[in-house]
C-alpha atoms as a PDB file:
ATOM      1  CA  MET A   1      -0.998 -41.497  75.838  1.00  0.00           C
ATOM      2  CA  ILE A   2      -4.637 -41.645  77.001  1.00  0.00           C
ATOM      3  CA  GLY A   3      -4.393 -38.188  78.528  1.00  0.00           C
ATOM      4  CA  ASP A   4      -3.124 -36.772  75.244  1.00  0.00           C
ATOM      5  CA  ILE A   5      -6.454 -37.197  73.497  1.00  0.00           C
ATOM      6  CA  ASP A   6      -9.530 -35.092  74.135  1.00  0.00           C
ATOM      7  CA  GLU A   7     -12.029 -36.614  76.542  1.00  0.00           C
ATOM      8  CA  THR A   8     -14.846 -37.030  74.055  1.00  0.00           C
ATOM      9  CA  LYS A   9     -15.940 -40.654  74.275  1.00  0.00           C
ATOM     10  CA  ALA A  10     -19.307 -40.178  72.606  1.00  0.00           C
ATOM     11  CA  PRO A  11     -21.507 -42.984  71.252  1.00  0.00           C
ATOM     12  CA  LEU A  12     -22.206 -43.323  67.547  1.00  0.00           C
ATOM     13  CA  LEU A  13     -25.548 -41.518  67.764  1.00  0.00           C
ATOM     14  CA  ASP A  14     -23.910 -38.466  69.322  1.00  0.00           C
ATOM     15  CA  HIS A  15     -21.328 -38.422  66.532  1.00  0.00           C
ATOM     16  CA  LEU A  16     -24.085 -38.578  63.914  1.00  0.00           C
ATOM     17  CA  ILE A  17     -25.956 -35.728  65.612  1.00  0.00           C
ATOM     18  CA  GLU A  18     -22.747 -33.694  65.686  1.00  0.00           C
ATOM     19  CA  LEU A  19     -22.127 -34.463  61.995  1.00  0.00           C
ATOM     20  CA  ARG A  20     -25.691 -33.404  61.135  1.00  0.00           C
ATOM     21  CA  LYS A  21     -25.215 -30.110  62.984  1.00  0.00           C
ATOM     22  CA  ARG A  22     -21.935 -29.392  61.163  1.00  0.00           C
ATOM     23  CA  LEU A  23     -23.481 -30.243  57.786  1.00  0.00           C
ATOM     24  CA  LEU A  24     -26.410 -27.930  58.466  1.00  0.00           C
ATOM     25  CA  TYR A  25     -23.980 -25.111  59.250  1.00  0.00           C
ATOM     26  CA  CYS A  26     -22.218 -25.768  55.931  1.00  0.00           C
ATOM     27  CA  ILE A  27     -25.490 -25.860  53.975  1.00  0.00           C
ATOM     28  CA  TRP A  28     -26.745 -22.630  55.530  1.00  0.00           C
ATOM     29  CA  ALA A  29     -23.407 -20.960  54.860  1.00  0.00           C
ATOM     30  CA  MET A  30     -23.539 -22.024  51.200  1.00  0.00           C
ATOM     31  CA  LEU A  31     -27.177 -20.930  50.806  1.00  0.00           C
ATOM     32  CA  LEU A  32     -26.521 -17.537  52.363  1.00  0.00           C
ATOM     33  CA  SER A  33     -23.322 -17.007  50.358  1.00  0.00           C
ATOM     34  CA  GLY A  34     -25.045 -18.223  47.194  1.00  0.00           C
ATOM     35  CA  GLY A  35     -27.924 -15.798  47.707  1.00  0.00           C
ATOM     36  CA  ILE A  36     -25.521 -12.884  48.145  1.00  0.00           C
ATOM     37  CA  CYS A  37     -23.536 -13.955  45.071  1.00  0.00           C
ATOM     38  CA  PHE A  38     -26.769 -14.240  43.036  1.00  0.00           C
ATOM     39  CA  TYR A  39     -27.653 -10.662  44.014  1.00  0.00           C
ATOM     40  CA  PHE A  40     -24.211  -9.480  42.895  1.00  0.00           C
ATOM     41  CA  ALA A  41     -24.048 -11.848  39.893  1.00  0.00           C
ATOM     42  CA  ASP A  42     -23.593  -8.983  37.412  1.00  0.00           C
ATOM     43  CA  ALA A  43     -20.643  -7.563  39.362  1.00  0.00           C
ATOM     44  CA  ILE A  44     -19.058 -11.021  39.675  1.00  0.00           C
ATOM     45  CA  LEU A  45     -19.502 -11.669  35.956  1.00  0.00           C
ATOM     46  CA  SER A  46     -17.943  -8.280  35.217  1.00  0.00           C
ATOM     47  CA  PHE A  47     -14.930  -9.424  37.222  1.00  0.00           C
ATOM     48  CA  LEU A  48     -14.777 -12.796  35.437  1.00  0.00           C
ATOM     49  CA  VAL A  49     -14.847 -11.257  31.934  1.00  0.00           C
ATOM     50  CA  VAL A  50     -11.739  -9.127  32.588  1.00  0.00           C
ATOM     51  CA  PRO A  51      -9.390 -11.834  31.189  1.00  0.00           C
ATOM     52  CA  LEU A  52     -11.546 -12.018  28.045  1.00  0.00           C
ATOM     53  CA  LYS A  53     -11.344  -8.248  27.571  1.00  0.00           C
ATOM     54  CA  ALA A  54      -7.596  -8.460  28.072  1.00  0.00           C
ATOM     55  CA  GLY A  55      -7.485 -11.181  25.423  1.00  0.00           C
ATOM     56  CA  TYR A  56      -9.382  -8.992  22.944  1.00  0.00           C
ATOM     57  CA  GLY A  57      -6.986  -6.118  23.585  1.00  0.00           C
ATOM     58  CA  ASP A  58      -8.131  -2.974  21.775  1.00  0.00           C
ATOM     59  CA  ALA A  59     -11.056  -4.777  20.144  1.00  0.00           C
ATOM     60  CA  THR A  60     -14.477  -4.821  21.789  1.00  0.00           C
ATOM     61  CA  ALA A  61     -15.164  -7.995  23.753  1.00  0.00           C
ATOM     62  CA  LYS A  62     -18.438  -9.721  23.039  1.00  0.00           C
ATOM     63  CA  LEU A  63     -20.389 -12.575  24.614  1.00  0.00           C
ATOM     64  CA  VAL A  64     -23.620 -14.024  23.266  1.00  0.00           C
ATOM     65  CA  TYR A  65     -26.266 -16.430  24.458  1.00  0.00           C
ATOM     66  CA  THR A  66     -28.116 -18.697  22.058  1.00  0.00           C
ATOM     67  CA  LYS A  67     -30.851 -19.956  24.393  1.00  0.00           C
ATOM     68  CA  LEU A  68     -33.411 -17.708  26.028  1.00  0.00           C
ATOM     69  CA  TYR A  69     -32.776 -19.131  29.500  1.00  0.00           C
ATOM     70  CA  GLU A  70     -28.987 -19.326  29.171  1.00  0.00           C
ATOM     71  CA  ALA A  71     -28.180 -15.949  30.775  1.00  0.00           C
ATOM     72  CA  PHE A  72     -30.394 -16.729  33.789  1.00  0.00           C
ATOM     73  CA  PHE A  73     -28.763 -20.116  34.349  1.00  0.00           C
ATOM     74  CA  VAL A  74     -25.358 -18.470  34.082  1.00  0.00           C
ATOM     75  CA  GLN A  75     -26.335 -16.287  37.032  1.00  0.00           C
ATOM     76  CA  LEU A  76     -27.362 -19.417  38.952  1.00  0.00           C
ATOM     77  CA  LYS A  77     -23.993 -21.015  38.187  1.00  0.00           C
ATOM     78  CA  ILE A  78     -22.226 -17.887  39.385  1.00  0.00           C
ATOM     79  CA  ALA A  79     -24.259 -18.049  42.608  1.00  0.00           C
ATOM     80  CA  VAL A  80     -23.277 -21.684  43.214  1.00  0.00           C
ATOM     81  CA  PHE A  81     -19.665 -21.137  42.192  1.00  0.00           C
ATOM     82  CA  GLY A  82     -19.235 -17.973  44.243  1.00  0.00           C
ATOM     83  CA  GLY A  83     -21.245 -19.349  47.164  1.00  0.00           C
ATOM     84  CA  PHE A  84     -18.922 -22.308  47.519  1.00  0.00           C
ATOM     85  CA  PHE A  85     -15.797 -20.136  47.486  1.00  0.00           C
ATOM     86  CA  CYS A  86     -17.210 -17.596  49.945  1.00  0.00           C
ATOM     87  CA  SER A  87     -18.415 -20.286  52.347  1.00  0.00           C
ATOM     88  CA  PHE A  88     -15.298 -22.445  52.072  1.00  0.00           C
ATOM     89  CA  PRO A  89     -13.670 -20.997  55.234  1.00  0.00           C
ATOM     90  CA  ILE A  90     -16.815 -21.858  57.208  1.00  0.00           C
ATOM     91  CA  ILE A  91     -16.989 -25.343  55.663  1.00  0.00           C
ATOM     92  CA  ALA A  92     -13.323 -25.972  56.475  1.00  0.00           C
ATOM     93  CA  ASN A  93     -13.869 -24.695  60.027  1.00  0.00           C
ATOM     94  CA  GLN A  94     -16.847 -27.016  60.551  1.00  0.00           C
ATOM     95  CA  LEU A  95     -14.894 -29.966  59.156  1.00  0.00           C
ATOM     96  CA  TRP A  96     -12.035 -29.222  61.527  1.00  0.00           C
ATOM     97  CA  ALA A  97     -14.441 -28.804  64.461  1.00  0.00           C
ATOM     98  CA  PHE A  98     -15.874 -32.271  63.742  1.00  0.00           C
ATOM     99  CA  VAL A  99     -12.545 -34.050  63.227  1.00  0.00           C
ATOM    100  CA  ALA A 100     -10.348 -32.278  65.790  1.00  0.00           C
ATOM    101  CA  PRO A 101     -11.806 -33.843  68.998  1.00  0.00           C
ATOM    102  CA  GLY A 102     -10.715 -37.285  67.784  1.00  0.00           C
ATOM    103  CA  LEU A 103      -7.106 -36.267  67.168  1.00  0.00           C
ATOM    104  CA  TYR A 104      -4.135 -36.262  69.506  1.00  0.00           C
ATOM    105  CA  SER A 105      -2.700 -32.848  70.280  1.00  0.00           C
ATOM    106  CA  ARG A 106       0.451 -33.600  68.269  1.00  0.00           C
ATOM    107  CA  GLU A 107      -1.722 -34.600  65.294  1.00  0.00           C
ATOM    108  CA  LYS A 108      -3.597 -31.307  65.540  1.00  0.00           C
ATOM    109  CA  LYS A 109      -0.330 -29.392  65.513  1.00  0.00           C
ATOM    110  CA  ALA A 110       0.834 -31.403  62.491  1.00  0.00           C
ATOM    111  CA  LEU A 111      -2.370 -30.878  60.479  1.00  0.00           C
ATOM    112  CA  LEU A 112      -3.029 -27.224  61.275  1.00  0.00           C
ATOM    113  CA  PRO A 113      -0.283 -25.809  58.965  1.00  0.00           C
ATOM    114  CA  PHE A 114      -1.683 -27.854  56.081  1.00  0.00           C
ATOM    115  CA  LEU A 115      -5.198 -26.547  56.725  1.00  0.00           C
ATOM    116  CA  LEU A 116      -3.874 -22.988  56.673  1.00  0.00           C
ATOM    117  CA  ALA A 117      -1.766 -23.593  53.553  1.00  0.00           C
ATOM    118  CA  THR A 118      -4.635 -25.133  51.543  1.00  0.00           C
ATOM    119  CA  PRO A 119      -6.658 -21.940  50.848  1.00  0.00           C
ATOM    120  CA  VAL A 120      -3.461 -19.923  50.319  1.00  0.00           C
ATOM    121  CA  LEU A 121      -2.138 -22.331  47.689  1.00  0.00           C
ATOM    122  CA  PHE A 122      -5.558 -22.596  46.030  1.00  0.00           C
ATOM    123  CA  LEU A 123      -5.774 -18.803  45.766  1.00  0.00           C
ATOM    124  CA  LEU A 124      -2.257 -18.674  44.323  1.00  0.00           C
ATOM    125  CA  GLY A 125      -3.207 -21.167  41.625  1.00  0.00           C
ATOM    126  CA  ALA A 126      -6.506 -19.403  40.884  1.00  0.00           C
ATOM    127  CA  SER A 127      -4.724 -16.033  40.724  1.00  0.00           C
ATOM    128  CA  LEU A 128      -2.159 -17.403  38.281  1.00  0.00           C
ATOM    129  CA  ALA A 129      -4.988 -18.688  36.101  1.00  0.00           C
ATOM    130  CA  TYR A 130      -6.947 -15.422  36.265  1.00  0.00           C
ATOM    131  CA  TYR A 131      -4.178 -12.864  35.876  1.00  0.00           C
ATOM    132  CA  VAL A 132      -1.697 -14.688  33.636  1.00  0.00           C
ATOM    133  CA  VAL A 133      -2.936 -17.878  32.001  1.00  0.00           C
ATOM    134  CA  MET A 134      -6.441 -16.899  30.891  1.00  0.00           C
ATOM    135  CA  PRO A 135      -5.550 -13.545  29.276  1.00  0.00           C
ATOM    136  CA  THR A 136      -2.637 -15.201  27.466  1.00  0.00           C
ATOM    137  CA  ALA A 137      -4.702 -18.194  26.346  1.00  0.00           C
ATOM    138  CA  PHE A 138      -7.677 -16.074  25.242  1.00  0.00           C
ATOM    139  CA  HIS A 139      -5.403 -13.748  23.276  1.00  0.00           C
ATOM    140  CA  PHE A 140      -3.964 -16.823  21.544  1.00  0.00           C
ATOM    141  CA  PHE A 141      -7.425 -18.233  20.756  1.00  0.00           C
ATOM    142  CA  LEU A 142      -8.693 -14.925  19.372  1.00  0.00           C
ATOM    143  CA  LYS A 143      -5.800 -14.617  16.931  1.00  0.00           C
ATOM    144  CA  PHE A 144      -7.602 -17.051  14.624  1.00  0.00           C
ATOM    145  CA  GLN A 145     -10.201 -14.425  13.766  1.00  0.00           C
ATOM    146  CA  GLY A 146     -10.059 -12.846  10.313  1.00  0.00           C
ATOM    147  CA  LYS A 147     -10.269 -13.987   6.733  1.00  0.00           C
ATOM    148  CA  LEU A 148     -10.193 -17.726   6.040  1.00  0.00           C
ATOM    149  CA  GLY A 149     -10.640 -18.857   2.462  1.00  0.00           C
ATOM    150  CA  GLY A 150     -12.538 -15.692   1.605  1.00  0.00           C
ATOM    151  CA  VAL A 151     -14.838 -16.106   4.621  1.00  0.00           C
ATOM    152  CA  GLU A 152     -14.899 -13.833   7.676  1.00  0.00           C
ATOM    153  CA  LEU A 153     -14.061 -15.819  10.802  1.00  0.00           C
ATOM    154  CA  GLU A 154     -15.305 -14.216  14.029  1.00  0.00           C
ATOM    155  CA  ALA A 155     -15.201 -15.504  17.599  1.00  0.00           C
ATOM    156  CA  LEU A 156     -18.624 -15.367  19.267  1.00  0.00           C
ATOM    157  CA  PRO A 157     -18.234 -17.235  22.579  1.00  0.00           C
ATOM    158  CA  SER A 158     -21.447 -17.934  24.433  1.00  0.00           C
ATOM    159  CA  ILE A 159     -21.703 -16.709  27.999  1.00  0.00           C
ATOM    160  CA  ASP A 160     -22.343 -20.229  29.308  1.00  0.00           C
ATOM    161  CA  ASN A 161     -19.343 -21.749  27.531  1.00  0.00           C
ATOM    162  CA  TYR A 162     -17.145 -18.860  28.662  1.00  0.00           C
ATOM    163  CA  LEU A 163     -18.167 -19.274  32.307  1.00  0.00           C
ATOM    164  CA  GLY A 164     -17.513 -23.011  32.070  1.00  0.00           C
ATOM    165  CA  LEU A 165     -14.064 -22.324  30.621  1.00  0.00           C
ATOM    166  CA  VAL A 166     -13.255 -19.832  33.394  1.00  0.00           C
ATOM    167  CA  MET A 167     -14.370 -22.319  36.065  1.00  0.00           C
ATOM    168  CA  GLN A 168     -12.263 -25.013  34.434  1.00  0.00           C
ATOM    169  CA  PHE A 169      -9.170 -22.806  34.477  1.00  0.00           C
ATOM    170  CA  ILE A 170      -9.642 -21.625  38.066  1.00  0.00           C
ATOM    171  CA  LEU A 171     -10.425 -25.064  39.489  1.00  0.00           C
ATOM    172  CA  ALA A 172      -7.682 -26.780  37.488  1.00  0.00           C
ATOM    173  CA  PHE A 173      -4.964 -24.392  38.654  1.00  0.00           C
ATOM    174  CA  GLY A 174      -6.320 -23.991  42.178  1.00  0.00           C
ATOM    175  CA  ILE A 175      -6.579 -27.725  42.873  1.00  0.00           C
ATOM    176  CA  SER A 176      -3.280 -28.478  41.139  1.00  0.00           C
ATOM    177  CA  PHE A 177      -1.493 -26.004  43.407  1.00  0.00           C
ATOM    178  CA  LEU A 178      -2.465 -28.197  46.370  1.00  0.00           C
ATOM    179  CA  LEU A 179       0.204 -30.682  45.246  1.00  0.00           C
ATOM    180  CA  PRO A 180       2.690 -29.606  47.996  1.00  0.00           C
ATOM    181  CA  VAL A 181       0.045 -30.253  50.669  1.00  0.00           C
ATOM    182  CA  LEU A 182      -0.586 -33.761  49.350  1.00  0.00           C
ATOM    183  CA  VAL A 183       3.112 -34.643  49.039  1.00  0.00           C
ATOM    184  CA  MET A 184       3.977 -33.233  52.480  1.00  0.00           C
ATOM    185  CA  LEU A 185       1.098 -35.134  54.087  1.00  0.00           C
ATOM    186  CA  LEU A 186       2.234 -38.383  52.467  1.00  0.00           C
ATOM    187  CA  ASN A 187       5.750 -37.730  53.723  1.00  0.00           C
ATOM    188  CA  ARG A 188       4.600 -36.838  57.251  1.00  0.00           C
ATOM    189  CA  ALA A 189       2.481 -39.992  57.366  1.00  0.00           C
ATOM    190  CA  GLY A 190       5.534 -42.082  56.487  1.00  0.00           C
ATOM    191  CA  ILE A 191       3.981 -43.381  53.267  1.00  0.00           C
ATOM    192  CA  VAL A 192       6.761 -41.986  51.078  1.00  0.00           C
ATOM    193  CA  SER A 193      10.255 -40.803  51.947  1.00  0.00           C
ATOM    194  CA  ARG A 194      12.225 -37.993  50.362  1.00  0.00           C
ATOM    195  CA  ALA A 195      14.491 -40.521  48.644  1.00  0.00           C
ATOM    196  CA  GLN A 196      11.455 -42.156  47.045  1.00  0.00           C
ATOM    197  CA  LEU A 197      10.105 -38.770  45.951  1.00  0.00           C
ATOM    198  CA  VAL A 198      13.460 -37.860  44.384  1.00  0.00           C
ATOM    199  CA  ALA A 199      13.589 -41.202  42.593  1.00  0.00           C
ATOM    200  CA  ALA A 200      10.067 -40.616  41.253  1.00  0.00           C
ATOM    201  CA  ARG A 201      10.951 -37.209  39.798  1.00  0.00           C
ATOM    202  CA  ARG A 202      10.897 -38.384  36.160  1.00  0.00           C
ATOM    203  CA  TYR A 203       7.516 -40.046  36.691  1.00  0.00           C
ATOM    204  CA  MET A 204       6.223 -36.870  38.309  1.00  0.00           C
ATOM    205  CA  ILE A 205       7.138 -34.870  35.215  1.00  0.00           C
ATOM    206  CA  VAL A 206       5.182 -37.281  33.022  1.00  0.00           C
ATOM    207  CA  ALA A 207       2.260 -37.240  35.485  1.00  0.00           C
ATOM    208  CA  ALA A 208       2.239 -33.430  35.573  1.00  0.00           C
ATOM    209  CA  VAL A 209       2.009 -33.252  31.790  1.00  0.00           C
ATOM    210  CA  ALA A 210      -0.705 -35.928  31.730  1.00  0.00           C
ATOM    211  CA  VAL A 211      -2.784 -34.218  34.434  1.00  0.00           C
ATOM    212  CA  ALA A 212      -2.413 -30.839  32.741  1.00  0.00           C
ATOM    213  CA  ALA A 213      -3.536 -32.374  29.450  1.00  0.00           C
ATOM    214  CA  VAL A 214      -6.692 -33.785  31.073  1.00  0.00           C
ATOM    215  CA  ILE A 215      -7.879 -30.882  33.243  1.00  0.00           C
ATOM    216  CA  THR A 216      -6.999 -27.901  31.022  1.00  0.00           C
ATOM    217  CA  PRO A 217      -8.603 -26.906  27.698  1.00  0.00           C
ATOM    218  CA  PRO A 218      -7.269 -28.866  24.718  1.00  0.00           C
ATOM    219  CA  ASP A 219      -4.422 -26.584  23.708  1.00  0.00           C
ATOM    220  CA  ALA A 220      -0.678 -26.820  24.178  1.00  0.00           C
ATOM    221  CA  LEU A 221      -0.371 -23.352  25.728  1.00  0.00           C
ATOM    222  CA  SER A 222      -2.622 -24.101  28.709  1.00  0.00           C
ATOM    223  CA  LEU A 223      -0.971 -27.500  29.141  1.00  0.00           C
ATOM    224  CA  VAL A 224       2.508 -26.006  29.394  1.00  0.00           C
ATOM    225  CA  MET A 225       1.402 -23.162  31.669  1.00  0.00           C
ATOM    226  CA  LEU A 226       0.017 -25.684  34.180  1.00  0.00           C
ATOM    227  CA  ALA A 227       2.592 -28.465  33.829  1.00  0.00           C
ATOM    228  CA  VAL A 228       5.590 -26.172  34.434  1.00  0.00           C
ATOM    229  CA  PRO A 229       4.269 -24.739  37.754  1.00  0.00           C
ATOM    230  CA  LEU A 230       3.372 -28.271  38.895  1.00  0.00           C
ATOM    231  CA  ILE A 231       6.922 -29.468  38.295  1.00  0.00           C
ATOM    232  CA  LEU A 232       8.343 -26.397  40.070  1.00  0.00           C
ATOM    233  CA  LEU A 233       6.004 -26.944  43.038  1.00  0.00           C
ATOM    234  CA  TYR A 234       7.173 -30.554  43.258  1.00  0.00           C
ATOM    235  CA  GLU A 235      10.802 -29.448  43.383  1.00  0.00           C
ATOM    236  CA  ILE A 236      10.041 -26.787  46.008  1.00  0.00           C
ATOM    237  CA  THR A 237       8.259 -29.430  48.088  1.00  0.00           C
ATOM    238  CA  LEU A 238      11.311 -31.684  47.919  1.00  0.00           C
ATOM    239  CA  ILE A 239      13.459 -28.811  49.203  1.00  0.00           C
ATOM    240  CA  ALA A 240      10.968 -28.157  52.028  1.00  0.00           C
ATOM    241  CA  ILE A 241      11.024 -31.841  53.011  1.00  0.00           C
ATOM    242  CA  TRP A 242      14.840 -31.791  52.987  1.00  0.00           C
ATOM    243  CA  PHE A 243      14.890 -28.807  55.375  1.00  0.00           C
ATOM    244  CA  THR A 244      12.283 -30.510  57.583  1.00  0.00           C
ATOM    245  CA  ASP A 245      14.303 -33.734  57.736  1.00  0.00           C
ATOM    246  CA  ARG A 246      17.464 -31.806  58.628  1.00  0.00           C
ATOM    247  CA  ARG A 247      15.655 -29.911  61.388  1.00  0.00           C
ATOM    248  CA  LYS A 248      14.263 -33.153  62.828  1.00  0.00           C
ATOM    249  CA  ALA A 249      17.726 -34.752  62.698  1.00  0.00           C
ATOM    250  CA  ALA A 250      19.240 -31.740  64.474  1.00  0.00           C
ATOM    251  CA  GLU A 251      16.548 -31.820  67.160  1.00  0.00           C
ATOM    252  CA  ALA A 252      17.082 -35.560  67.668  1.00  0.00           C
ATOM    253  CA  ALA A 253      20.844 -35.033  67.961  1.00  0.00           C
ATOM    254  CA  ASN A 254      20.297 -32.277  70.532  1.00  0.00           C
ATOM    255  CA  GLU A 255      17.989 -34.517  72.548  1.00  0.00           C
ATOM    256  CA  ASP A 256      20.547 -37.334  72.484  1.00  0.00           C
ATOM    257  CA  SER A 257      23.330 -35.003  73.604  1.00  0.00           C
ATOM    258  CA  GLU A 258      21.165 -33.665  76.427  1.00  0.00           C
ATOM    259  CA  GLU A 259      20.318 -37.191  77.575  1.00  0.00           C
ATOM    260  CA  THR A 260      24.025 -38.119  77.469  1.00  0.00           C
ATOM    261  CA  SER A 261      24.887 -35.045  79.543  1.00  0.00           C
ATOM    262  CA  VAL A 262      22.230 -35.917  82.104  1.00  0.00           C
ATOM    263  CA  VAL A 263      23.540 -39.480  82.370  1.00  0.00           C
ATOM    264  CA  LYS A 264      27.117 -38.251  82.848  1.00  0.00           C
ATOM    265  CA  VAL A 265      26.045 -35.813  85.550  1.00  0.00           C
ATOM    266  CA  ALA A 266      24.100 -38.549  87.293  1.00  0.00           C
ATOM    267  CA  GLU A 267      27.136 -40.800  87.252  1.00  0.00           C
END
């Protein structure tokens, strides 16, 4: 067992120095990525307003800003937002480089698939929000324009509020799509079994609706479009755990049969 772990018996000070070095790498990666994103802020914003233009349809999309400094601060937000996403692979790599020496080799093999699945699932959730949910939701919101009691009702979203709404959608769907990683980790750690997860299905449905209601904009359409994928992801995770349990049981049975054969040959 001792030989299974990396030979890195470092004192606390060495660990703190290593942590400082990894954090500096992460900070420099974010600053560099943020600077590049600030330079290309207009192009990034052009990409982020595509769902709004899709929501307007044939009409001309329009964004306004009501404070003189609002447009500049929007560019800063884009730099921070884009810098974090661009530097995330480096941040994840530095986190793994700091944690990995203290793990057993079998623990590394168990965690590595989850580390690889995390950005993939996040991108899937963000893509669903960008390409499907936001255009549909914005089209629904913009339908309320027109005459109301003899008064012309026109949507004039500010650029800051729009960017905040886009960030909310992307983060809400991206983080929510990490549900399979969380459930699988809990199962691998032995905290919950598949039987317990199946028994908690009805509570999961309620929790999915509650979470969607909290982290999405206050409308029923966004709530449903997040809650339904969450429930489906939970069911897919249960199926994946079932296949994993069957594979482990088959491997254990094969090992037992091999041991029995060895004992019989020895006799």
